[in-house]
Amino acid sequence: MSEKEKMQTEELAKIMDDAKPLGKSALSFMAGFVQGYKEAQSADPAENTGRKEGNEE
C-alpha cells in the first residue's frame, strides 16, 4: 500500500468516526420531527383533507 493510500485510508477512518455521533443526532432529530408531524396531522384532519384535494388538481 502506497503512502498516499495509507493517508486516504486514515482520513476516511477519521471521517467515519466523526460521522457516527452526527448520525445518531440526525436520527434523533428526524424521529422528533416525524412525531411532531404525525401529531399535527391527527390534530386537524380537515386541514389534511384539503391539502390532499389540492394536490390532486
C-alpha atoms as a PDB file:
ATOM      1  CA  MET A   1       0.000   0.000   0.000  1.00  0.00           C
ATOM      2  CA  SER A   2       1.469   3.329  -1.010  1.00  0.00           C
ATOM      3  CA  GLU A   3       1.874   6.268   1.356  1.00  0.00           C
ATOM      4  CA  LYS A   4      -0.946   8.102  -0.432  1.00  0.00           C
ATOM      5  CA  GLU A   5      -3.311   5.133   0.021  1.00  0.00           C
ATOM      6  CA  LYS A   6      -2.429   4.917   3.728  1.00  0.00           C
ATOM      7  CA  MET A   7      -3.191   8.613   4.205  1.00  0.00           C
ATOM      8  CA  GLN A   8      -6.500   8.285   2.349  1.00  0.00           C
ATOM      9  CA  THR A   9      -7.462   5.254   4.438  1.00  0.00           C
ATOM     10  CA  GLU A  10      -6.623   7.057   7.686  1.00  0.00           C
ATOM     11  CA  GLU A  11      -8.547  10.126   6.559  1.00  0.00           C
ATOM     12  CA  LEU A  12     -11.561   8.016   5.626  1.00  0.00           C
ATOM     13  CA  ALA A  13     -11.444   6.237   9.003  1.00  0.00           C
ATOM     14  CA  LYS A  14     -11.398   9.619  10.776  1.00  0.00           C
ATOM     15  CA  ILE A  15     -14.370  10.852   8.729  1.00  0.00           C
ATOM     16  CA  MET A  16     -16.311   7.681   9.531  1.00  0.00           C
ATOM     17  CA  ASP A  17     -15.595   8.045  13.257  1.00  0.00           C
ATOM     18  CA  ASP A  18     -16.691  11.677  13.196  1.00  0.00           C
ATOM     19  CA  ALA A  19     -19.878  10.795  11.314  1.00  0.00           C
ATOM     20  CA  LYS A  20     -21.171   8.301  13.892  1.00  0.00           C
ATOM     21  CA  PRO A  21     -22.302  10.862  16.516  1.00  0.00           C
ATOM     22  CA  LEU A  22     -23.779  13.045  13.789  1.00  0.00           C
ATOM     23  CA  GLY A  23     -25.789  10.092  12.507  1.00  0.00           C
ATOM     24  CA  LYS A  24     -27.294   9.475  15.926  1.00  0.00           C
ATOM     25  CA  SER A  25     -28.137  13.154  16.310  1.00  0.00           C
ATOM     26  CA  ALA A  26     -29.727  13.273  12.877  1.00  0.00           C
ATOM     27  CA  LEU A  27     -31.818  10.185  13.635  1.00  0.00           C
ATOM     28  CA  SER A  28     -32.983  11.687  16.930  1.00  0.00           C
ATOM     29  CA  PHE A  29     -33.904  14.925  15.181  1.00  0.00           C
ATOM     30  CA  MET A  30     -35.814  13.125  12.432  1.00  0.00           C
ATOM     31  CA  ALA A  31     -37.664  10.947  14.955  1.00  0.00           C
ATOM     32  CA  GLY A  32     -38.793  14.073  16.806  1.00  0.00           C
ATOM     33  CA  PHE A  33     -39.753  15.786  13.569  1.00  0.00           C
ATOM     34  CA  VAL A  34     -41.806  12.800  12.366  1.00  0.00           C
ATOM     35  CA  GLN A  35     -43.550  12.509  15.729  1.00  0.00           C
ATOM     36  CA  GLY A  36     -44.438  16.206  15.678  1.00  0.00           C
ATOM     37  CA  TYR A  37     -45.673  15.942  12.098  1.00  0.00           C
ATOM     38  CA  LYS A  38     -47.902  12.985  12.942  1.00  0.00           C
ATOM     39  CA  GLU A  39     -49.321  14.834  15.955  1.00  0.00           C
ATOM     40  CA  ALA A  40     -50.043  17.877  13.791  1.00  0.00           C
ATOM     41  CA  GLN A  41     -51.852  15.736  11.214  1.00  0.00           C
ATOM     42  CA  SER A  42     -54.009  13.995  13.817  1.00  0.00           C
ATOM     43  CA  ALA A  43     -54.863  17.330  15.467  1.00  0.00           C
ATOM     44  CA  ASP A  44     -56.584  18.782  12.373  1.00  0.00           C
ATOM     45  CA  PRO A  45     -57.740  16.081   9.928  1.00  0.00           C
ATOM     46  CA  ALA A  46     -59.957  18.521   7.980  1.00  0.00           C
ATOM     47  CA  GLU A  47     -56.909  20.579   7.032  1.00  0.00           C
ATOM     48  CA  ASN A  48     -55.131  17.456   5.763  1.00  0.00           C
ATOM     49  CA  THR A  49     -58.109  16.544   3.561  1.00  0.00           C
ATOM     50  CA  GLY A  50     -57.977  19.990   1.985  1.00  0.00           C
ATOM     51  CA  ARG A  51     -54.301  19.566   1.198  1.00  0.00           C
ATOM     52  CA  LYS A  52     -54.889  16.192  -0.424  1.00  0.00           C
ATOM     53  CA  GLU A  53     -57.624  17.585  -2.666  1.00  0.00           C
ATOM     54  CA  GLY A  54     -55.376  20.482  -3.634  1.00  0.00           C
ATOM     55  CA  ASN A  55     -52.588  18.115  -4.640  1.00  0.00           C
ATOM     56  CA  GLU A  56     -54.864  16.092  -6.897  1.00  0.00           C
ATOM     57  CA  GLU A  57     -55.757  19.053  -9.099  1.00  0.00           C
END
